[in-house]
Protein backbone atom coordinates (compact mmCIF):
# COMPACT_ATOMS: atom_id res chain seq x y z
CA MET A 1 -1.93 -31.53 -38.96
CA ASP A 2 -0.70 -31.54 -42.60
CA LEU A 3 2.82 -30.55 -43.64
CA LEU A 4 1.71 -27.05 -44.62
CA GLY A 5 0.15 -26.47 -41.19
CA GLU A 6 3.24 -27.77 -39.39
CA ALA A 7 5.45 -25.52 -41.49
CA ALA A 8 3.27 -22.51 -40.71
CA LEU A 9 3.39 -23.30 -36.97
CA MET A 10 7.17 -23.66 -37.02
CA LEU A 11 7.52 -20.38 -38.93
CA ALA A 12 5.22 -18.56 -36.48
CA THR A 13 7.16 -19.95 -33.51
CA PHE A 14 10.47 -18.94 -35.10
CA LEU A 15 9.23 -15.41 -35.82
CA PHE A 16 7.92 -15.05 -32.27
CA PHE A 17 11.24 -16.13 -30.77
CA TRP A 18 13.12 -13.87 -33.17
CA MET A 19 11.02 -10.82 -32.27
CA VAL A 20 11.46 -11.34 -28.55
CA LEU A 21 15.20 -11.92 -28.81
CA SER A 22 15.52 -8.96 -31.14
CA ARG A 23 13.71 -6.72 -28.64
CA TRP A 24 15.90 -8.00 -25.81
CA GLN A 25 19.06 -7.24 -27.83
CA GLN A 26 17.75 -3.77 -28.69
CA MET A 27 17.20 -3.04 -25.03
CA ARG A 28 20.74 -4.23 -24.26
CA GLN A 29 22.13 -1.99 -27.00
CA LYS A 30 20.49 0.95 -25.24
CA LYS A 31 22.66 0.11 -22.20
CA MET A 32 19.82 -1.06 -20.02
CA PRO A 33 20.84 -2.46 -16.62
CA PRO A 34 21.93 -6.14 -16.71
CA GLY A 35 19.63 -9.02 -15.89
CA PRO A 36 18.69 -12.58 -16.79
CA MET A 37 17.82 -13.29 -20.40
CA PRO A 38 14.03 -13.47 -20.84
CA LEU A 39 12.21 -16.27 -22.61
CA PRO A 40 9.64 -15.57 -25.31
CA PHE A 41 6.22 -14.63 -23.97
CA ILE A 42 6.92 -15.57 -20.32
CA GLY A 43 9.92 -13.29 -19.83
CA ASN A 44 11.71 -14.16 -16.57
CA LEU A 45 8.76 -15.99 -15.05
CA LEU A 46 10.89 -19.08 -14.35
CA GLN A 47 13.21 -17.00 -12.14
CA LEU A 48 10.30 -15.54 -10.13
CA SER A 49 8.05 -17.18 -7.58
CA PRO A 50 4.54 -15.70 -7.80
CA GLU A 51 4.10 -16.49 -4.10
CA ASN A 52 7.25 -14.59 -3.22
CA ILE A 53 8.28 -12.19 -5.95
CA TYR A 54 10.14 -9.92 -3.51
CA ARG A 55 12.53 -12.62 -2.35
CA SER A 56 13.01 -13.75 -5.95
CA LEU A 57 14.06 -10.22 -6.85
CA MET A 58 16.37 -9.99 -3.86
CA LYS A 59 18.04 -13.23 -4.91
CA LEU A 60 18.53 -11.97 -8.46
CA SER A 61 20.09 -8.77 -7.09
CA GLU A 62 22.82 -10.88 -5.47
CA LYS A 63 23.96 -11.79 -8.99
CA TYR A 64 23.13 -8.66 -10.99
CA GLY A 65 23.63 -5.90 -8.41
CA PRO A 66 21.42 -3.15 -6.95
CA VAL A 67 20.13 -2.05 -10.38
CA PHE A 68 19.02 -4.74 -12.81
CA THR A 69 16.37 -5.58 -15.43
CA ILE A 70 13.79 -8.36 -15.49
CA TYR A 71 10.88 -9.08 -17.81
CA LEU A 72 7.32 -9.73 -16.67
CA GLY A 73 6.04 -11.29 -19.83
CA SER A 74 7.17 -8.84 -22.49
CA ARG A 75 7.40 -5.88 -20.06
CA PRO A 76 10.93 -4.81 -19.08
CA ILE A 77 11.16 -3.79 -15.40
CA VAL A 78 14.14 -2.03 -13.83
CA VAL A 79 14.57 -3.14 -10.22
CA LEU A 80 16.25 -0.95 -7.58
CA ARG A 81 17.59 -2.55 -4.39
CA GLY A 82 18.84 -0.79 -1.26
CA TYR A 83 18.69 2.73 0.17
CA GLU A 84 21.28 4.34 -2.10
CA ALA A 85 19.74 3.17 -5.39
CA VAL A 86 16.16 3.98 -4.35
CA LYS A 87 17.13 7.41 -3.00
CA GLU A 88 19.07 8.30 -6.16
CA ALA A 89 16.01 7.49 -8.24
CA LEU A 90 13.03 8.67 -6.20
CA VAL A 91 14.65 11.69 -4.53
CA ASP A 92 17.65 12.82 -6.59
CA GLN A 93 15.85 12.23 -9.92
CA ALA A 94 12.32 12.52 -8.57
CA GLU A 95 10.74 14.06 -11.65
CA ALA A 96 12.20 11.49 -14.05
CA PHE A 97 10.90 8.61 -11.90
CA SER A 98 7.50 10.18 -11.14
CA GLY A 99 5.42 8.14 -13.59
CA ARG A 100 3.10 5.47 -12.20
CA GLY A 101 3.61 1.86 -13.26
CA LYS A 102 1.03 -0.80 -14.03
CA LEU A 103 -1.09 -3.12 -11.93
CA ALA A 104 -3.37 -4.77 -14.46
CA MET A 105 -6.44 -5.41 -12.31
CA PHE A 106 -6.58 -1.89 -10.89
CA ASP A 107 -5.70 -0.39 -14.28
CA TRP A 108 -8.85 -2.09 -15.56
CA LEU A 109 -10.84 -0.02 -13.05
CA PHE A 110 -8.83 3.19 -12.75
CA GLN A 111 -8.05 3.61 -16.47
CA GLY A 112 -5.58 6.39 -15.68
CA TYR A 113 -8.16 8.56 -13.89
CA GLY A 114 -7.52 8.14 -10.18
CA LEU A 115 -4.55 9.61 -8.34
CA PRO A 116 -2.91 6.26 -7.39
CA PHE A 117 -2.40 5.20 -11.02
CA CYS A 118 -2.32 8.37 -13.11
CA THR A 119 0.73 10.27 -14.35
CA GLY A 120 1.86 13.73 -15.44
CA PRO A 121 -0.30 16.88 -15.14
CA ARG A 122 -3.35 14.89 -14.01
CA ALA A 123 -1.39 13.32 -11.15
CA ARG A 124 0.03 16.69 -10.07
CA GLU A 125 -3.35 18.42 -10.15
CA LEU A 126 -5.23 15.64 -8.34
CA ARG A 127 -2.50 15.27 -5.75
CA ARG A 128 -2.47 19.02 -5.02
CA PHE A 129 -6.25 19.08 -4.69
CA SER A 130 -6.41 15.91 -2.55
CA ILE A 131 -3.74 17.07 -0.10
CA MET A 132 -5.39 20.48 0.30
CA THR A 133 -8.83 18.93 0.79
CA LEU A 134 -7.64 16.32 3.28
CA ARG A 135 -5.93 19.05 5.29
CA ASN A 136 -9.09 21.14 5.21
CA PHE A 137 -10.88 18.16 6.74
CA GLY A 138 -8.34 17.95 9.49
CA MET A 139 -5.44 15.78 8.35
CA GLY A 140 -2.66 16.50 10.84
CA LYS A 141 -4.97 18.63 12.99
CA ARG A 142 -6.83 18.26 16.26
CA SER A 143 -10.16 17.83 14.47
CA MET A 144 -8.85 14.68 12.79
CA GLU A 145 -7.67 13.35 16.15
CA GLU A 146 -11.23 13.72 17.40
CA ARG A 147 -12.60 11.75 14.43
CA ILE A 148 -10.09 8.96 15.00
CA LEU A 149 -10.65 8.83 18.76
CA GLU A 150 -14.42 8.74 18.25
CA GLU A 151 -14.01 5.68 16.07
CA ILE A 152 -11.52 4.09 18.46
CA ASN A 153 -14.10 4.38 21.26
CA PHE A 154 -16.56 2.33 19.20
CA LEU A 155 -13.84 -0.29 18.74
CA LEU A 156 -13.00 -0.31 22.46
CA ASP A 157 -16.68 -0.82 23.29
CA THR A 158 -16.75 -3.75 20.87
CA PHE A 159 -13.72 -5.32 22.54
CA ARG A 160 -15.35 -4.89 25.96
CA SER A 161 -18.53 -6.57 24.75
CA ILE A 162 -16.53 -9.61 23.62
CA GLN A 163 -15.44 -10.15 27.24
CA SER A 164 -11.89 -11.34 26.55
CA ALA A 165 -12.97 -14.06 24.11
CA PRO A 166 -10.34 -14.92 21.46
CA ILE A 167 -10.92 -13.20 18.13
CA GLU A 168 -9.31 -13.04 14.71
CA PRO A 169 -8.75 -9.25 14.59
CA THR A 170 -8.81 -8.59 10.83
CA TYR A 171 -12.43 -7.46 10.42
CA PHE A 172 -12.54 -5.56 13.73
CA LEU A 173 -9.52 -3.42 12.79
CA TYR A 174 -10.48 -3.19 9.11
CA ARG A 175 -13.96 -1.85 9.85
CA SER A 176 -12.71 0.66 12.41
CA VAL A 177 -9.94 2.06 10.21
CA SER A 178 -12.28 2.11 7.22
CA ASN A 179 -14.74 4.23 9.17
CA VAL A 180 -12.08 6.89 9.74
CA ILE A 181 -11.62 7.42 6.01
CA SER A 182 -15.41 7.07 5.54
CA SER A 183 -15.90 10.14 7.74
CA ILE A 184 -13.70 12.08 5.31
CA THR A 185 -14.90 10.75 1.97
CA PHE A 186 -18.61 10.34 2.80
CA GLY A 187 -18.96 12.71 5.75
CA HIS A 188 -20.15 10.00 8.16
CA ARG A 189 -19.23 6.66 9.71
CA PHE A 190 -21.13 3.40 9.26
CA ASP A 191 -22.53 1.14 11.93
CA TYR A 192 -20.39 -2.00 12.01
CA LYS A 193 -23.42 -4.15 11.17
CA ASP A 194 -24.65 -1.94 8.34
CA PRO A 195 -25.12 -4.33 5.38
CA GLU A 196 -23.99 -1.64 2.93
CA PHE A 197 -20.79 -1.18 4.90
CA THR A 198 -20.24 -4.93 5.25
CA SER A 199 -20.69 -5.33 1.52
CA LEU A 200 -18.11 -2.60 0.83
CA GLN A 201 -15.59 -4.29 3.15
CA ASN A 202 -16.02 -7.60 1.33
CA MET A 203 -15.53 -5.95 -2.06
CA MET A 204 -12.28 -4.38 -0.92
CA LEU A 205 -10.88 -7.43 0.85
CA GLU A 206 -11.68 -9.86 -1.97
CA SER A 207 -10.19 -7.65 -4.67
CA ILE A 208 -6.97 -6.88 -2.77
CA ARG A 209 -6.53 -10.52 -1.77
CA PHE A 210 -6.83 -11.61 -5.39
CA THR A 211 -3.86 -9.46 -6.39
CA ALA A 212 -1.75 -11.39 -3.87
CA THR A 213 -2.58 -14.84 -5.29
CA ARG A 214 -0.63 -16.80 -7.91
CA TRP A 215 -3.47 -16.23 -10.39
CA GLY A 216 -3.42 -12.53 -9.57
CA GLN A 217 0.29 -12.36 -10.44
CA ILE A 218 -0.27 -14.24 -13.68
CA TYR A 219 -3.11 -11.88 -14.55
CA ASP A 220 -0.85 -8.88 -13.93
CA MET A 221 1.85 -10.27 -16.22
CA PHE A 222 -0.37 -11.52 -19.03
CA SER A 223 -3.63 -9.60 -18.65
CA GLY A 224 -3.98 -9.07 -22.39
CA VAL A 225 -4.46 -12.82 -22.85
CA VAL A 226 -5.68 -14.00 -19.42
CA HIS A 227 -8.45 -11.37 -19.33
CA HIS A 228 -10.28 -13.29 -22.07
CA LEU A 229 -9.91 -16.68 -20.39
CA PRO A 230 -12.11 -18.19 -17.66
CA GLY A 231 -10.71 -17.89 -14.14
CA PRO A 232 -11.01 -16.26 -10.70
CA HIS A 233 -9.97 -12.87 -12.07
CA HIS A 234 -13.51 -12.35 -13.35
CA LYS A 235 -14.90 -12.53 -9.80
CA ALA A 236 -12.27 -10.04 -8.59
CA LEU A 237 -13.04 -7.68 -11.46
CA GLN A 238 -16.74 -8.00 -10.67
CA LYS A 239 -16.01 -6.89 -7.11
CA LEU A 240 -14.19 -3.83 -8.43
CA SER A 241 -17.11 -3.08 -10.74
CA GLU A 242 -19.52 -3.33 -7.80
CA MET A 243 -17.28 -0.99 -5.84
CA GLU A 244 -17.37 1.55 -8.65
CA ASP A 245 -21.17 1.33 -8.65
CA PHE A 246 -21.20 1.86 -4.86
CA PHE A 247 -19.07 5.00 -5.08
CA MET A 248 -20.97 6.28 -8.11
CA LYS A 249 -24.22 6.00 -6.15
CA LYS A 250 -22.66 7.97 -3.29
CA ALA A 251 -21.33 10.63 -5.68
CA LYS A 252 -24.71 11.16 -7.33
CA ALA A 253 -26.40 11.39 -3.94
CA ASN A 254 -23.92 14.09 -2.97
CA GLN A 255 -24.61 15.97 -6.20
CA GLU A 256 -28.33 16.02 -5.45
CA THR A 257 -27.92 17.35 -1.90
CA LEU A 258 -24.88 19.60 -2.40
CA ASP A 259 -24.59 22.99 -0.72
CA PRO A 260 -21.58 24.58 -2.50
CA ASN A 261 -21.06 26.95 0.43
CA ALA A 262 -20.85 24.17 3.02
CA PRO A 263 -19.11 21.06 1.63
CA ARG A 264 -19.60 18.11 3.97
CA ASP A 265 -16.85 15.76 2.78
CA PHE A 266 -14.20 15.02 0.16
CA MET A 267 -16.82 14.20 -2.47
CA ASP A 268 -18.59 17.53 -1.99
CA CYS A 269 -15.31 19.42 -2.41
CA PHE A 270 -14.57 17.52 -5.61
CA ILE A 271 -18.05 18.26 -6.97
CA VAL A 272 -17.60 21.98 -6.22
CA LYS A 273 -14.33 21.86 -8.16
CA MET A 274 -16.12 20.07 -11.01
CA GLN A 275 -18.71 22.83 -11.20
CA LYS A 276 -16.07 25.56 -11.24
CA GLU A 277 -14.21 23.87 -14.12
CA SER A 278 -17.26 22.61 -16.04
CA GLU A 279 -16.45 24.82 -19.03
CA GLU A 280 -12.77 23.84 -19.20
CA PRO A 281 -12.26 21.12 -21.84
CA ASN A 282 -9.04 19.80 -20.28
CA SER A 283 -10.23 19.74 -16.69
CA HIS A 284 -9.26 16.70 -14.58
CA PHE A 285 -12.38 17.12 -12.45
CA PHE A 286 -15.39 15.19 -13.75
CA LEU A 287 -17.69 12.46 -12.41
CA LYS A 288 -15.58 9.45 -13.41
CA SER A 289 -12.50 11.10 -11.93
CA LEU A 290 -14.40 11.83 -8.71
CA VAL A 291 -15.44 8.20 -8.30
CA ILE A 292 -12.07 6.67 -9.13
CA ASN A 293 -10.08 9.16 -7.07
CA THR A 294 -12.28 8.57 -4.03
CA ILE A 295 -11.92 4.80 -4.40
CA GLY A 296 -8.15 5.22 -4.45
CA ILE A 297 -8.14 7.32 -1.28
CA PHE A 298 -10.54 4.90 0.42
CA PHE A 299 -8.38 1.89 -0.46
CA ALA A 300 -5.16 3.57 0.67
CA GLY A 301 -6.76 4.87 3.85
CA THR A 302 -8.03 1.44 4.85
CA GLU A 303 -5.81 -1.39 3.67
CA THR A 304 -2.29 -0.38 4.73
CA ILE A 305 -3.21 1.04 8.15
CA SER A 306 -5.45 -1.87 9.16
CA SER A 307 -2.79 -4.36 8.00
CA THR A 308 -0.13 -2.52 10.02
CA LEU A 309 -2.27 -2.67 13.16
CA ARG A 310 -3.08 -6.33 12.67
CA TYR A 311 0.58 -7.19 12.13
CA GLY A 312 1.66 -4.97 15.02
CA PHE A 313 -0.52 -6.76 17.55
CA LEU A 314 0.87 -10.11 16.40
CA ILE A 315 4.37 -8.79 17.12
CA LEU A 316 3.28 -7.59 20.57
CA LEU A 317 1.96 -11.09 21.30
CA LYS A 318 5.39 -12.45 20.40
CA TYR A 319 7.12 -9.87 22.59
CA PRO A 320 4.82 -9.15 25.58
CA GLU A 321 7.70 -7.37 27.33
CA VAL A 322 7.57 -4.74 24.56
CA ALA A 323 3.85 -4.25 25.08
CA GLY A 324 4.50 -4.01 28.82
CA LYS A 325 7.07 -1.22 28.36
CA MET A 326 4.66 0.64 26.09
CA GLN A 327 1.91 0.38 28.72
CA LYS A 328 4.24 1.71 31.43
CA GLU A 329 5.02 4.72 29.24
CA ILE A 330 1.33 5.19 28.45
CA ASP A 331 0.46 5.12 32.16
CA LEU A 332 3.25 7.58 32.96
CA VAL A 333 2.50 10.13 30.24
CA ILE A 334 -1.23 9.72 29.59
CA GLY A 335 -2.62 7.83 32.56
CA ARG A 336 -5.93 5.97 32.49
CA ASN A 337 -8.42 8.84 32.68
CA ARG A 338 -8.02 10.62 29.35
CA SER A 339 -7.57 9.67 25.73
CA PRO A 340 -4.17 9.90 24.02
CA THR A 341 -3.40 12.88 21.80
CA MET A 342 -0.71 13.48 19.22
CA LYS A 343 0.93 15.94 21.63
CA ASP A 344 1.84 12.92 23.74
CA CYS A 345 4.14 11.56 21.00
CA SER A 346 7.09 13.74 21.90
CA GLN A 347 7.05 12.44 25.48
CA MET A 348 6.76 8.77 24.50
CA PRO A 349 10.00 7.83 22.71
CA TYR A 350 9.75 4.11 23.41
CA THR A 351 6.20 3.83 22.04
CA GLU A 352 7.19 5.84 18.99
CA ALA A 353 10.24 3.64 18.45
CA VAL A 354 8.10 0.50 18.62
CA ILE A 355 5.65 1.92 16.08
CA CYS A 356 8.48 2.92 13.73
CA GLU A 357 9.97 -0.55 14.08
CA ILE A 358 6.60 -2.16 13.32
CA LEU A 359 6.36 -0.06 10.15
CA ARG A 360 9.94 -0.97 9.22
CA TYR A 361 9.81 -4.65 10.02
CA THR A 362 6.42 -5.38 8.44
CA SER A 363 7.16 -3.46 5.22
CA GLN A 364 3.61 -3.69 3.91
CA LEU A 365 4.57 -3.12 0.26
CA PRO A 366 8.11 -4.53 0.01
CA ILE A 367 8.26 -4.07 -3.76
CA GLY A 368 6.81 -0.58 -3.50
CA VAL A 369 4.20 0.79 -5.89
CA SER A 370 5.77 0.64 -9.33
CA ARG A 371 6.91 3.73 -11.21
CA HIS A 372 7.86 4.44 -14.79
CA VAL A 373 10.38 6.91 -16.14
CA MET A 374 8.96 9.99 -17.84
CA TRP A 375 11.72 10.23 -20.45
CA ASP A 376 14.93 8.46 -21.48
CA THR A 377 16.81 8.57 -18.19
CA GLN A 378 20.50 8.21 -17.42
CA PHE A 379 20.98 6.31 -14.19
CA ARG A 380 24.25 4.94 -12.84
CA GLY A 381 25.74 4.68 -16.32
CA TYR A 382 22.68 2.97 -17.81
CA THR A 383 19.99 4.33 -20.12
CA ILE A 384 16.43 3.56 -19.05
CA PRO A 385 14.09 4.20 -22.01
CA LYS A 386 11.04 6.42 -21.60
CA GLY A 387 8.04 4.53 -20.21
CA THR A 388 10.06 1.68 -18.69
CA GLU A 389 8.60 0.47 -15.41
CA VAL A 390 10.64 0.60 -12.20
CA PHE A 391 10.28 -1.44 -9.01
CA PRO A 392 11.82 0.49 -6.06
CA LEU A 393 12.19 -2.29 -3.48
CA LEU A 394 11.13 -0.47 -0.31
CA GLY A 395 11.58 -3.66 1.67
CA SER A 396 15.27 -3.67 0.76
CA VAL A 397 15.55 -0.08 2.04
CA LEU A 398 13.75 -0.78 5.31
CA LYS A 399 16.02 -3.78 5.87
CA ASP A 400 19.22 -2.35 4.44
CA PRO A 401 22.09 -3.77 6.56
CA ASN A 402 24.08 -0.57 6.00
CA HIS A 403 21.43 1.39 7.89
CA PHE A 404 19.95 -1.07 10.40
CA GLU A 405 22.12 -3.12 12.73
CA ARG A 406 19.77 -6.12 12.87
CA PRO A 407 17.67 -5.71 9.71
CA GLU A 408 15.90 -9.09 9.85
CA ALA A 409 15.04 -8.86 13.56
CA PHE A 410 12.30 -6.89 15.29
CA ASP A 411 14.24 -4.47 17.50
CA PRO A 412 12.88 -1.07 18.70
CA GLN A 413 16.48 -0.09 19.49
CA HIS A 414 16.84 0.70 15.78
CA PHE A 415 15.03 3.94 16.62
CA LEU A 416 16.46 4.72 20.07
CA ASP A 417 19.79 6.34 20.94
CA GLU A 418 21.98 5.47 23.92
CA ASN A 419 19.93 7.83 26.10
CA GLY A 420 16.60 6.25 25.19
CA LYS A 421 15.63 9.18 22.97
CA LEU A 422 13.93 8.71 19.61
CA LYS A 423 16.33 8.76 16.66
CA MET A 424 15.32 8.64 13.02
CA ASN A 425 17.02 6.96 10.10
CA ASP A 426 17.27 8.18 6.51
CA ALA A 427 16.39 4.67 5.30
CA PHE A 428 13.08 4.74 7.16
CA MET A 429 10.66 5.28 4.29
CA PRO A 430 7.60 3.03 4.86
CA PHE A 431 5.42 5.47 2.90
CA SER A 432 7.92 5.79 0.05
CA VAL A 433 9.63 9.09 -0.83
CA GLY A 434 9.72 11.65 -3.60
CA LYS A 435 6.93 13.06 -5.71
CA ARG A 436 4.73 9.95 -5.44
CA ALA A 437 5.11 9.34 -1.71
CA CYS A 438 1.88 8.44 0.11
CA LEU A 439 -0.14 11.66 0.43
CA GLY A 440 -1.93 10.32 3.51
CA GLN A 441 1.14 9.50 5.58
CA GLU A 442 0.31 12.16 8.18
CA LEU A 443 -3.08 10.57 8.67
CA ALA A 444 -1.54 7.09 8.75
CA ARG A 445 1.00 8.01 11.43
CA MET A 446 -1.73 9.64 13.49
CA GLU A 447 -4.04 6.63 13.25
CA VAL A 448 -1.36 4.07 14.05
CA PHE A 449 -0.22 5.99 17.15
CA LEU A 450 -3.73 6.64 18.47
CA PHE A 451 -4.99 3.10 17.83
CA PHE A 452 -2.03 1.40 19.50
CA THR A 453 -1.92 3.70 22.53
CA SER A 454 -5.70 3.72 23.05
CA ILE A 455 -6.02 -0.06 22.89
CA LEU A 456 -2.99 -0.71 25.11
CA GLN A 457 -4.20 1.92 27.57
CA ASN A 458 -7.39 -0.09 28.06
CA PHE A 459 -6.44 -3.71 27.34
CA CYS A 460 -3.71 -6.26 27.77
CA CYS A 461 -3.12 -8.51 24.77
CA GLU A 462 -2.92 -12.25 25.28
CA SER A 463 -2.12 -14.98 22.79
CA VAL A 464 -4.08 -18.23 22.59
CA VAL A 465 -0.86 -20.15 21.81
CA PRO A 466 2.57 -20.10 23.50
CA ARG A 467 4.73 -17.22 22.30
CA GLU A 468 7.30 -19.72 20.99
CA GLU A 469 4.73 -20.86 18.41
CA ILE A 470 4.01 -17.36 17.13
CA ASP A 471 5.52 -16.71 13.70
CA ILE A 472 6.07 -13.02 12.95
CA THR A 473 8.12 -13.48 9.78
CA PRO A 474 6.41 -11.68 6.90
CA LYS A 475 4.11 -13.82 4.83
CA LEU A 476 5.03 -12.52 1.41
CA ILE A 477 2.28 -13.05 -1.14
CA GLY A 478 2.87 -11.51 -4.52
CA PHE A 479 3.47 -7.80 -4.03
CA VAL A 480 2.13 -7.66 -0.46
CA SER A 481 3.56 -8.49 2.98
CA VAL A 482 0.97 -9.75 5.46
CA ALA A 483 0.88 -11.29 8.93
CA HIS A 484 0.13 -14.94 9.51
CA SER A 485 -3.38 -15.65 10.78
CA TYR A 486 -3.76 -15.55 14.55
CA GLU A 487 -6.22 -15.10 17.41
CA ILE A 488 -5.90 -12.62 20.25
CA ARG A 489 -7.64 -11.86 23.54
CA PHE A 490 -8.15 -8.24 24.56
CA ILE A 491 -8.36 -8.36 28.37
CA PRO A 492 -9.48 -5.18 30.20
CA ARG A 493 -6.75 -3.71 32.42
């Protein structure tokens, strides 16, 4: 390189450093929360472990407090740790913190259309419609119980056919839970061996697993550059593109066979709404929105619930005495001759406490789904500029030592009083809180209760390794908390 080229490179490097430092100082002048000084381009990457971002953030909070700022690349992120900080933001200032943050790979697909990643009037309208439609199809009602129990019976038959052989439970639970939401979105369930259904499962699993890898975290931080480079992100994006094609095909099939007076599923209801608002230029109901919104509901209705079940059975293998107490309560309240119902919940405090503790301990999304502030927001003496992203650390709430006596231990007593009755805790927010709380939490609670009680009513769970070797500590990968791999035997009672 000649002297002129070297001089140009040095000048460009100097200007880049100057711009980043200048931006950092400007943010500080606006009284942003404190935090480590970012480096040009990479931000605070050196202070964060892509394999364990949550723990990295918790460690930084020990130095900077419950409200602090980090940079993912050039993006400033305000981090909230603990019940008090998260509640003040998501509940006390719910509207200000109601914007949805970024997740680069899914933003590439959703493009602001689907409910999980849209903001403002579109989010409010789609949320209102989705909640109403899900309730019309039975969410929280007896009809939904019947759908879930029908699917559970297929799963129980599958377990019986295996004849107590050890299995890795991921796909069994994933397919069964996915079929529950399929009955709502598509109006029918799939046979477990249906190649179309198997293909859909693979698309979902591969794309969600990519977000939890080191490369997935790097893509999220630097998507503007990494997107144009070779790497595994292209395969993950291809899976999302195939998923969009799958749902588009389903949507068009529904359009062709629609009876507006007798909608069969969520897609039909959305299409009816599209037709009613076809002349409105600012309508949020159109074909792309239908496809993306349905994908979002399908993802949410499959991934978190199946992961909770998978993790929960690992915990029961570690603590067989807990499973034994649940089975005694099941036998006492339900017996062996009928299926569980949601009416049984109120008479089963120990089972309910175990399920709540599973949801608390596993903390499926410990970082939470990111938000952004809708306007310049005053918070605890700081000014958070409009559009700034926020990470509400739900894991820090679910394991807040001020609210749970043994936060790092699995202990159903967290949800039982001295008389063995169920007690709730304000810091129990596994589905988040506020205006962007999970809209399907009623369905999730129903599924988790019915799946656990139905399986334990019919089977004993047995580990293939000694309980001392079972590791139930969360395997934190990127933004997700997952269970370690394991095998289990379901032995008929």
